[in-house]
Protein backbone atom coordinates (compact mmCIF):
# COMPACT_ATOMS: atom_id res chain seq x y z
CA MET A 1 -0.30 -0.02 0.23
CA LEU A 2 2.70 2.29 1.03
CA GLY A 3 4.71 1.54 -2.21
CA ALA A 4 1.68 2.52 -4.37
CA ARG A 5 0.96 5.72 -2.75
CA GLY A 6 4.79 6.32 -3.33
CA GLY A 7 4.33 5.73 -6.89
CA TRP A 8 1.07 8.07 -7.35
CA ARG A 9 2.94 10.82 -5.30
CA ALA A 10 6.07 10.30 -7.91
CA LEU A 11 3.52 10.77 -10.97
CA ARG A 12 1.98 13.93 -9.61
CA ARG A 13 5.47 15.49 -9.07
CA CYS A 14 6.31 14.66 -12.50
CA ALA A 15 3.11 16.08 -13.62
CA SER A 16 3.64 19.22 -11.98
CA LEU A 17 6.67 19.64 -13.65
CA PRO A 18 6.86 22.43 -16.71
CA ARG A 19 6.45 20.81 -19.78
CA ALA A 20 7.64 21.88 -23.10
CA VAL A 21 5.13 24.31 -24.88
CA ARG A 22 3.86 22.87 -28.41
CA LEU A 23 4.41 25.64 -31.12
CA ARG A 24 3.54 25.27 -34.99
CA VAL A 25 6.72 26.53 -36.98
CA CYS A 26 4.80 29.88 -37.83
CA GLU A 27 4.33 30.48 -34.21
CA ALA A 28 8.18 29.27 -33.51
CA LEU A 29 9.27 31.78 -36.64
CA GLY A 30 7.46 34.77 -35.44
CA ALA A 31 8.20 34.70 -31.59
CA ARG A 32 9.57 37.67 -29.81
CA GLU A 33 11.21 36.42 -27.46
CA PRO A 34 13.38 33.20 -26.89
CA ALA A 35 11.73 30.08 -24.97
CA GLU A 36 12.96 27.71 -22.48
CA ALA A 37 11.24 24.59 -23.44
CA VAL A 38 9.27 24.44 -26.40
CA ARG A 39 8.12 21.44 -28.96
CA VAL A 40 7.92 21.41 -32.48
CA GLN A 41 6.44 18.74 -34.76
CA GLY A 42 6.26 18.77 -38.55
CA TRP A 43 8.39 16.78 -41.44
CA VAL A 44 12.14 17.32 -42.30
CA ARG A 45 12.52 19.21 -45.60
CA SER A 46 16.67 19.15 -45.45
CA VAL A 47 19.15 17.39 -43.38
CA ARG A 48 22.52 18.60 -43.05
CA SER A 49 25.44 17.15 -41.21
CA GLN A 50 28.70 18.62 -40.57
CA LYS A 51 31.71 17.60 -37.83
CA GLU A 52 30.39 19.72 -34.98
CA VAL A 53 26.72 20.41 -35.57
CA LEU A 54 23.64 18.82 -37.13
CA PHE A 55 21.36 21.30 -38.82
CA LEU A 56 17.15 20.57 -40.01
CA HIS A 57 14.80 22.32 -41.39
CA ILE A 58 11.22 21.12 -40.21
CA ASN A 59 8.03 22.27 -41.61
CA ASP A 60 4.31 21.77 -40.33
CA GLY A 61 2.16 23.67 -43.12
CA SER A 62 1.62 26.60 -41.12
CA SER A 63 3.75 28.70 -43.53
CA LEU A 64 5.90 28.45 -46.31
CA GLU A 65 9.67 28.85 -44.33
CA SER A 66 11.01 25.94 -42.57
CA LEU A 67 12.25 26.27 -39.07
CA GLN A 68 15.77 25.90 -38.57
CA VAL A 69 16.70 22.96 -35.98
CA VAL A 70 20.60 23.15 -34.90
CA ALA A 71 21.47 20.07 -33.01
CA ASP A 72 24.35 17.91 -31.47
CA PRO A 73 25.21 15.35 -34.37
CA SER A 74 24.94 12.92 -31.65
CA LEU A 75 21.48 13.35 -31.92
CA GLU A 76 21.18 12.21 -35.95
CA LYS A 77 19.57 9.17 -36.64
CA ARG A 78 19.79 6.26 -39.40
CA ASP A 79 16.33 7.42 -40.33
CA LEU A 80 16.22 10.71 -39.77
CA THR A 81 16.19 11.69 -43.19
CA PHE A 82 14.11 14.07 -46.36
CA GLY A 83 10.36 13.41 -45.69
CA SER A 84 10.69 12.02 -42.04
CA ALA A 85 7.93 12.98 -39.25
CA VAL A 86 9.38 14.09 -36.35
CA GLU A 87 9.04 16.07 -32.84
CA VAL A 88 11.80 18.25 -31.70
CA GLN A 89 11.71 19.60 -28.05
CA GLY A 90 14.83 21.70 -27.14
CA LYS A 91 15.35 26.00 -26.84
CA LEU A 92 14.16 28.48 -28.91
CA VAL A 93 16.57 31.21 -29.59
CA LYS A 94 17.71 34.01 -31.53
CA SER A 95 19.12 33.09 -34.96
CA PRO A 96 22.10 34.58 -35.92
CA HIS A 97 21.09 34.44 -39.68
CA LYS A 98 19.44 37.36 -41.49
CA MET A 99 16.87 35.64 -42.94
CA GLN A 100 15.48 33.86 -39.78
CA ASN A 101 14.16 35.21 -36.70
CA MET A 102 14.14 32.28 -34.56
CA GLU A 103 16.19 28.85 -34.64
CA LEU A 104 15.55 25.71 -32.26
CA GLN A 105 18.58 24.28 -30.11
CA ALA A 106 17.43 21.25 -29.89
CA GLU A 107 18.25 18.53 -26.81
CA THR A 108 15.87 15.78 -28.41
CA ILE A 109 14.69 14.69 -31.63
CA HIS A 110 12.47 11.76 -32.04
CA VAL A 111 11.68 10.20 -35.39
CA VAL A 112 7.67 9.51 -35.37
CA GLY A 113 7.27 8.45 -39.12
CA PRO A 114 10.54 7.50 -41.00
CA CYS A 115 10.63 7.92 -44.87
CA ASP A 116 12.20 6.03 -47.50
CA ILE A 117 13.57 8.61 -49.37
CA TRP A 118 14.99 6.47 -52.67
CA SER A 119 11.28 5.56 -53.66
CA PHE A 120 9.76 8.98 -52.37
CA PRO A 121 9.10 10.86 -55.36
CA LEU A 122 9.69 14.26 -54.11
CA LYS A 123 13.32 15.08 -53.62
CA MET A 124 15.36 17.30 -51.49
CA ARG A 125 16.03 20.75 -52.68
CA GLU A 126 14.61 19.78 -56.22
CA ARG A 127 11.86 22.04 -57.66
CA HIS A 128 9.30 19.89 -59.29
CA PRO A 129 7.33 21.21 -62.18
CA LEU A 130 3.48 21.35 -61.85
CA GLU A 131 3.24 18.91 -64.30
CA TYR A 132 5.44 16.29 -62.53
CA LEU A 133 3.59 16.91 -59.27
CA ARG A 134 0.16 16.01 -61.15
CA GLN A 135 1.06 12.52 -60.84
CA PHE A 136 1.15 12.17 -57.12
CA PRO A 137 -2.39 13.67 -56.14
CA HIS A 138 -1.65 11.96 -52.63
CA LEU A 139 1.74 13.25 -51.95
CA ARG A 140 2.12 16.88 -53.89
CA CYS A 141 0.87 18.72 -50.81
CA ARG A 142 4.31 18.13 -49.37
CA ASN A 143 5.23 20.39 -52.03
CA ASN A 144 6.52 24.16 -51.13
CA THR A 145 3.85 25.05 -54.06
CA LEU A 146 1.08 23.20 -53.27
CA GLY A 147 1.43 24.01 -50.10
CA ALA A 148 1.25 27.74 -50.51
CA LEU A 149 -1.41 27.38 -52.92
CA LEU A 150 -3.83 25.63 -50.01
CA ARG A 151 -3.13 28.33 -47.23
CA ILE A 152 -4.13 30.72 -50.10
CA ARG A 153 -7.17 28.79 -50.87
CA SER A 154 -7.92 28.21 -46.98
CA GLU A 155 -7.59 32.34 -46.49
CA ALA A 156 -9.51 33.17 -49.77
CA THR A 157 -12.07 30.86 -48.33
CA ALA A 158 -12.22 32.80 -45.19
CA SER A 159 -11.90 36.15 -46.41
CA ILE A 160 -15.14 34.98 -48.92
CA HIS A 161 -17.58 34.40 -45.70
CA SER A 162 -16.48 37.09 -44.00
CA PHE A 163 -17.08 39.07 -46.84
CA PHE A 164 -20.60 38.21 -47.13
CA GLN A 165 -21.25 38.09 -43.34
CA ASP A 166 -19.71 41.87 -42.89
CA ASN A 167 -22.65 42.77 -45.44
CA GLY A 168 -25.44 41.26 -44.26
CA TYR A 169 -25.57 38.00 -45.96
CA VAL A 170 -27.15 34.69 -44.90
CA HIS A 171 -25.31 31.48 -45.73
CA ILE A 172 -27.57 29.30 -47.40
CA HIS A 173 -25.97 25.41 -47.69
CA THR A 174 -27.54 24.28 -50.71
CA PRO A 175 -28.36 20.90 -51.99
CA VAL A 176 -25.73 18.76 -53.59
CA ILE A 177 -28.27 16.11 -54.82
CA THR A 178 -30.92 17.96 -56.72
CA SER A 179 -33.81 17.30 -59.36
CA ASN A 180 -32.86 20.31 -61.13
CA ASP A 181 -30.25 21.24 -64.08
CA CYS A 182 -30.75 24.95 -63.20
CA GLU A 183 -31.90 24.56 -67.37
CA GLY A 184 -28.76 24.23 -69.04
CA ALA A 185 -26.43 25.10 -66.71
CA GLY A 186 -23.90 22.02 -67.97
CA GLU A 187 -23.71 18.72 -68.61
CA LEU A 188 -25.02 16.50 -65.69
CA PHE A 189 -24.01 13.97 -63.16
CA GLN A 190 -26.95 11.09 -62.82
CA ILE A 191 -27.05 9.63 -59.55
CA GLU A 192 -28.18 5.74 -59.26
CA THR A 193 -27.57 3.25 -56.16
CA SER A 194 -25.30 0.52 -57.13
CA ARG A 195 -28.71 -1.64 -57.02
CA GLU A 196 -30.21 1.00 -59.37
CA GLU A 197 -27.93 0.72 -62.34
CA LYS A 198 -28.43 -3.59 -62.69
CA GLU A 199 -32.02 -3.03 -62.07
CA SER A 200 -34.04 -2.26 -65.34
CA VAL A 201 -34.64 1.85 -66.23
CA GLU A 202 -38.64 1.33 -65.71
CA LYS A 203 -38.14 0.64 -61.91
CA SER A 204 -38.48 3.75 -59.74
CA HIS A 205 -35.74 5.67 -58.54
CA PHE A 206 -34.18 6.08 -55.20
CA PHE A 207 -35.89 9.60 -55.06
CA ASN A 208 -38.95 8.56 -57.32
CA VAL A 209 -37.24 11.01 -59.82
CA PRO A 210 -34.18 11.18 -61.72
CA ALA A 211 -31.30 12.86 -59.33
CA PHE A 212 -27.97 14.43 -60.15
CA LEU A 213 -25.10 16.20 -58.38
CA THR A 214 -25.81 20.30 -58.55
CA VAL A 215 -24.31 22.48 -61.37
CA SER A 216 -25.55 25.44 -59.51
CA GLY A 217 -27.08 26.85 -56.16
CA GLN A 218 -28.88 29.56 -57.85
CA LEU A 219 -32.48 28.36 -58.06
CA HIS A 220 -32.50 27.28 -53.95
CA LEU A 221 -30.69 30.48 -53.05
CA GLU A 222 -33.97 32.27 -55.09
CA VAL A 223 -36.33 30.46 -52.96
CA MET A 224 -34.27 31.65 -49.85
CA ALA A 225 -34.21 35.27 -51.46
CA GLY A 226 -37.79 35.21 -50.80
CA ALA A 227 -37.47 35.03 -46.98
CA PHE A 228 -34.13 36.68 -46.72
CA THR A 229 -33.34 40.01 -48.63
CA HIS A 230 -29.19 38.74 -49.42
CA VAL A 231 -27.99 35.65 -49.21
CA PHE A 232 -25.17 33.42 -50.57
CA THR A 233 -23.93 30.06 -50.66
CA PHE A 234 -19.98 28.51 -51.32
CA GLY A 235 -20.07 25.01 -52.12
CA PRO A 236 -19.13 22.27 -54.47
CA THR A 237 -20.75 21.72 -58.26
CA PHE A 238 -20.29 19.27 -61.06
CA ARG A 239 -20.27 19.20 -64.50
CA ALA A 240 -19.94 15.91 -66.31
CA GLU A 241 -18.00 17.64 -69.50
CA ASN A 242 -15.67 14.81 -70.64
CA SER A 243 -12.68 17.74 -71.34
CA GLN A 244 -9.32 17.17 -70.53
CA SER A 245 -8.37 20.99 -71.03
CA ARG A 246 -6.48 23.24 -68.84
CA ARG A 247 -9.57 25.09 -68.32
CA HIS A 248 -12.66 22.72 -67.34
CA LEU A 249 -12.86 20.83 -64.15
CA ALA A 250 -15.74 18.03 -63.47
CA GLU A 251 -15.58 19.19 -59.61
CA PHE A 252 -15.10 22.71 -58.44
CA TYR A 253 -16.30 25.52 -56.07
CA MET A 254 -18.72 28.17 -56.70
CA VAL A 255 -19.78 31.34 -54.98
CA GLU A 256 -23.06 32.29 -55.52
CA ALA A 257 -25.36 35.12 -53.93
CA GLU A 258 -28.98 36.63 -54.41
CA LEU A 259 -30.02 40.36 -53.44
CA SER A 260 -33.95 41.09 -53.08
CA PHE A 261 -35.43 44.40 -53.99
CA THR A 262 -32.81 45.67 -56.87
CA GLU A 263 -33.88 46.47 -60.26
CA SER A 264 -30.39 47.55 -61.21
CA LEU A 265 -27.57 45.26 -62.84
CA GLN A 266 -25.45 47.79 -61.78
CA ASP A 267 -26.07 46.62 -58.17
CA ILE A 268 -25.08 43.17 -59.07
CA MET A 269 -21.84 44.09 -60.62
CA GLN A 270 -21.24 46.43 -57.55
CA VAL A 271 -20.95 43.37 -55.20
CA MET A 272 -19.17 41.09 -57.78
CA GLU A 273 -16.27 44.02 -57.94
CA ASP A 274 -16.27 44.30 -54.13
CA LEU A 275 -16.06 40.88 -53.21
CA PHE A 276 -13.32 39.99 -55.89
CA LYS A 277 -10.92 43.42 -54.43
CA THR A 278 -11.92 42.55 -51.47
CA VAL A 279 -10.57 38.63 -51.17
CA THR A 280 -7.84 39.60 -53.29
CA SER A 281 -6.53 42.44 -51.30
CA THR A 282 -6.90 40.08 -48.17
CA VAL A 283 -5.04 37.20 -49.89
CA LEU A 284 -2.52 39.50 -50.81
CA SER A 285 -2.25 41.04 -47.29
CA LYS A 286 -2.14 37.87 -45.00
CA CYS A 287 -0.27 35.38 -47.38
CA PRO A 288 2.47 37.35 -48.88
CA ARG A 289 4.97 34.67 -49.24
CA ASP A 290 2.65 32.29 -50.66
CA VAL A 291 1.53 34.62 -53.44
CA GLU A 292 4.89 35.86 -53.97
CA LEU A 293 6.00 32.17 -54.74
CA PHE A 294 3.66 31.93 -57.46
CA HIS A 295 4.16 35.68 -58.58
CA LYS A 296 8.36 34.68 -58.51
CA TYR A 297 8.48 31.64 -60.12
CA ILE A 298 5.41 30.60 -62.61
CA ALA A 299 3.66 34.12 -63.18
CA PRO A 300 6.23 36.97 -62.83
CA ALA A 301 3.89 39.66 -64.33
CA GLN A 302 1.08 38.96 -62.65
CA LYS A 303 1.59 40.86 -59.30
CA GLY A 304 1.39 44.09 -61.25
CA ARG A 305 -1.28 43.24 -63.12
CA LEU A 306 -3.21 42.38 -59.59
CA GLU A 307 -2.09 45.91 -58.13
CA GLN A 308 -3.38 47.78 -61.25
CA MET A 309 -6.51 45.84 -60.73
CA LEU A 310 -6.94 46.63 -57.34
CA LYS A 311 -6.64 50.53 -58.04
CA HIS A 312 -8.82 51.36 -60.89
CA LYS A 313 -12.57 50.65 -61.56
CA PHE A 314 -13.98 47.79 -63.58
CA MET A 315 -14.66 48.62 -67.37
CA ILE A 316 -18.25 47.83 -68.46
CA ILE A 317 -18.81 47.37 -72.43
CA SER A 318 -22.67 45.74 -73.55
CA TYR A 319 -22.62 42.23 -75.33
CA SER A 320 -23.72 44.52 -79.16
CA GLU A 321 -20.33 46.65 -78.37
CA ALA A 322 -18.67 43.44 -77.66
CA VAL A 323 -19.12 42.06 -80.70
CA GLU A 324 -18.28 45.04 -83.12
CA ILE A 325 -14.71 45.27 -81.11
CA LEU A 326 -14.28 41.48 -82.34
CA LYS A 327 -15.53 41.99 -85.76
CA GLN A 328 -12.77 44.88 -86.37
CA ALA A 329 -10.16 42.87 -84.81
CA PRO A 330 -6.83 42.52 -86.79
CA GLN A 331 -6.85 38.88 -85.71
CA THR A 332 -8.77 35.98 -87.17
CA PHE A 333 -10.81 34.16 -84.83
CA THR A 334 -11.04 30.39 -84.76
CA PHE A 335 -14.89 30.88 -84.39
CA LYS A 336 -16.20 33.79 -86.33
CA PRO A 337 -17.67 36.35 -83.89
CA GLU A 338 -21.30 37.02 -84.87
CA TRP A 339 -24.30 38.78 -82.80
CA GLY A 340 -26.47 36.12 -81.26
CA CYS A 341 -23.80 33.59 -80.32
CA ASP A 342 -21.77 33.10 -77.41
CA LEU A 343 -18.39 34.51 -76.79
CA GLN A 344 -15.64 31.77 -76.98
CA THR A 345 -12.72 31.88 -74.46
CA GLU A 346 -10.64 33.15 -77.57
CA HIS A 347 -12.90 36.11 -77.70
CA GLU A 348 -13.48 36.96 -74.21
CA LYS A 349 -9.18 37.02 -73.49
CA TYR A 350 -9.10 39.22 -76.82
CA LEU A 351 -11.79 41.79 -75.14
CA VAL A 352 -9.78 41.86 -72.07
CA LYS A 353 -6.60 42.91 -74.08
CA HIS A 354 -8.58 45.40 -76.02
CA CYS A 355 -9.59 47.07 -72.58
CA GLY A 356 -5.99 47.34 -71.35
CA GLU A 357 -5.97 43.60 -69.62
CA VAL A 358 -8.10 44.89 -66.80
CA PRO A 359 -11.55 43.02 -65.77
CA VAL A 360 -14.18 43.89 -67.83
CA PHE A 361 -18.14 43.67 -67.61
CA VAL A 362 -20.10 42.64 -70.33
CA VAL A 363 -23.63 43.17 -70.17
CA ASN A 364 -27.07 42.67 -72.02
CA TYR A 365 -26.41 39.69 -73.82
CA PRO A 366 -29.26 38.27 -76.57
CA TYR A 367 -32.68 37.16 -74.85
CA ASP A 368 -32.53 33.53 -76.94
CA LEU A 369 -28.64 33.21 -75.80
CA LYS A 370 -29.51 32.66 -71.89
CA PRO A 371 -31.78 30.72 -69.51
CA PHE A 372 -35.24 31.50 -68.58
CA TYR A 373 -34.90 33.00 -65.20
CA MET A 374 -32.89 36.16 -66.89
CA ARG A 375 -34.92 39.11 -66.94
CA ASP A 376 -36.29 40.31 -70.23
CA ASN A 377 -35.18 43.91 -71.08
CA GLU A 378 -38.01 44.64 -73.45
CA ASP A 379 -35.57 45.87 -76.32
CA GLY A 380 -35.49 45.73 -79.69
CA PRO A 381 -34.79 45.22 -82.49
CA GLN A 382 -31.63 43.09 -80.75
CA HIS A 383 -33.68 41.28 -78.30
CA THR A 384 -31.51 41.19 -74.92
CA VAL A 385 -31.89 39.89 -71.31
CA ALA A 386 -30.25 42.11 -68.31
CA ALA A 387 -27.43 39.45 -68.10
CA VAL A 388 -24.01 40.26 -67.04
CA ASP A 389 -20.26 38.31 -67.42
CA LEU A 390 -17.19 39.22 -65.87
CA LEU A 391 -13.88 38.60 -67.72
CA VAL A 392 -10.59 38.68 -66.39
CA PRO A 393 -6.96 38.40 -67.78
CA GLY A 394 -5.51 35.48 -68.82
CA VAL A 395 -8.64 33.25 -67.91
CA GLY A 396 -11.79 35.00 -69.58
CA GLU A 397 -14.86 34.52 -67.78
CA LEU A 398 -14.87 34.39 -64.01
CA CYS A 399 -18.17 35.64 -62.71
CA GLY A 400 -21.45 35.39 -64.40
CA GLY A 401 -24.82 36.76 -63.32
CA SER A 402 -28.23 38.44 -63.94
CA LEU A 403 -31.45 40.34 -62.88
CA ARG A 404 -33.92 37.25 -62.28
CA GLU A 405 -37.15 37.60 -64.44
CA GLU A 406 -39.80 38.52 -61.41
CA ARG A 407 -42.79 39.51 -63.29
CA LEU A 408 -45.22 36.31 -63.34
CA PRO A 409 -46.52 36.91 -67.09
CA PHE A 410 -43.07 36.86 -68.66
CA LEU A 411 -41.89 33.71 -66.79
CA GLU A 412 -44.93 31.44 -67.72
CA SER A 413 -44.56 32.97 -71.22
CA ARG A 414 -41.24 31.53 -71.57
CA LEU A 415 -41.56 28.30 -69.69
CA GLN A 416 -44.41 27.55 -71.93
CA ARG A 417 -42.53 28.08 -75.16
CA LEU A 418 -39.40 26.32 -73.76
CA GLY A 419 -42.09 23.04 -72.71
CA LEU A 420 -40.80 23.73 -69.00
CA THR A 421 -44.16 24.85 -67.47
CA ASP A 422 -44.56 21.39 -65.29
CA ALA A 423 -40.93 21.08 -64.04
CA TYR A 424 -40.71 24.49 -62.97
CA GLN A 425 -44.03 25.43 -61.31
CA TRP A 426 -42.55 25.72 -57.79
CA TYR A 427 -41.01 28.48 -59.59
CA LEU A 428 -43.81 30.15 -60.80
CA ASP A 429 -45.26 29.71 -57.15
CA LEU A 430 -42.12 32.03 -55.92
CA ARG A 431 -43.64 34.62 -58.23
CA LYS A 432 -47.24 34.45 -57.25
CA PHE A 433 -46.20 35.22 -53.30
CA GLY A 434 -44.28 38.35 -52.61
CA SER A 435 -41.99 38.50 -55.70
CA VAL A 436 -39.90 41.31 -55.75
CA PRO A 437 -37.41 42.48 -58.26
CA HIS A 438 -33.78 40.91 -57.58
CA GLY A 439 -30.69 39.34 -59.06
CA GLY A 440 -27.71 37.33 -58.05
CA PHE A 441 -24.24 35.86 -59.83
CA GLY A 442 -21.93 32.86 -59.48
CA MET A 443 -18.41 33.14 -59.35
CA GLY A 444 -16.08 29.82 -60.37
CA PHE A 445 -13.83 29.73 -57.03
CA GLU A 446 -10.85 27.87 -58.73
CA ARG A 447 -10.93 30.04 -61.85
CA TYR A 448 -10.30 33.14 -59.48
CA LEU A 449 -7.69 31.44 -57.65
CA GLN A 450 -6.16 30.70 -61.36
CA TYR A 451 -6.29 34.40 -62.42
CA ILE A 452 -5.01 36.09 -59.19
CA LEU A 453 -1.88 33.30 -59.18
CA GLY A 454 -1.23 33.22 -62.92
CA VAL A 455 -1.55 29.61 -63.07
CA ASP A 456 -2.16 27.90 -66.76
CA ASN A 457 -3.69 24.81 -65.73
CA ILE A 458 -6.87 24.80 -63.47
CA LYS A 459 -6.06 21.68 -62.03
CA ASP A 460 -3.35 23.27 -60.49
CA VAL A 461 -5.17 25.42 -57.90
CA ILE A 462 -7.48 22.14 -56.82
CA PRO A 463 -6.10 19.93 -53.59
CA PHE A 464 -6.49 16.58 -55.49
CA PRO A 465 -6.18 16.84 -59.03
CA ARG A 466 -8.65 14.73 -61.18
CA PHE A 467 -7.07 14.96 -64.96
CA SER A 468 -7.57 11.55 -65.21
CA HIS A 469 -9.92 8.80 -64.31
CA SER A 470 -7.08 6.88 -62.85
CA CYS A 471 -6.14 9.59 -60.33
CA LEU A 472 -9.40 9.63 -58.58
CA LEU A 473 -8.49 9.05 -55.03
């Protein structure tokens, strides 16, 4: 009994001893004062052993910069290699080197998870091209470039939510599984259970109607805009376009918003521009080193373009003006520009270049070119709707929006002509019970990142690239 009591007292004394404070790498680098007992966990980015000293650089994903660890050579271990996971305890001290504020003087180094450097596809001190990294979707996040991208994505996501919340918007979780296709917004992924695939197509569906992965949350947001004046959603959307191009993704994130009690397309454009500039300014100020990595090694001229974009108002031209500019262009396009035809990427990029490489709003598109829910301008002889696309340098279309058709007779007439009255009876109900003028827009999140970072291939701004079916995780 006495022995047991003595053991418990010893345990209590051990528990009361000061324990090493766990710090993230970014916290250790940003510390203002030295600390006696700290603990840092992460992955080894470099190992350099000299006769009298051992140098490590470890990173935990919290910053682009790694923390230098200085240790006695006796602490070196066979499995202490590039890529291995470690826990280091020691003293945080001022670094004598100008490039780093603090360094860690190691007292113990524990290899938590070894790494076989011979089979590990990432190599120390080697700058791997993005094309190479795409082959390893499960490992590429350990690369500096992709680590920087993911921190930028995280900060941009938080900034988007902050922008809308600061401006009084209510966040709505719109469904991922839906029975509507937002009237031709894109090719659909249809959902079936494994049992349905084997059974006859004549038998009932799981939801009693065909179900699809969403291509847009807009129509669900419009439902909510009948009770809340400002709503937004930010979630995954899916397009079953069988394309392996640099511009297309099967799964991507969309930022969408709806504003009630607005009769002006200018109101919609102002929110689009404010969102774009606010989020970009936040990312540039909070992730300077991460953004600099892209602007230095991938898109050297992009920093200057962003600075110019933030200083100036976006330009506005009509669709008709855009077609005339394209017709007078000195270059030959693959797709001939004609009034009534959709603008192709080559057209969009030329228009931005023609307008001085600044973002451009193109407004008032042909009536027959756009979906049923866009508001009829009742103009002529060229019939248009109150629609807007935002074009940006190097990418083309980034955002699309419109005023929504709130007038019941106009909406009924168009749905009847399209043979969609039965499918969208619920949508007509929204116009019968307290309908108000409203509008909204959507922005592709990956295209936004592609633009601000100057990345050529959109598959390089997503966490897990799905550029081929063999790379699905």
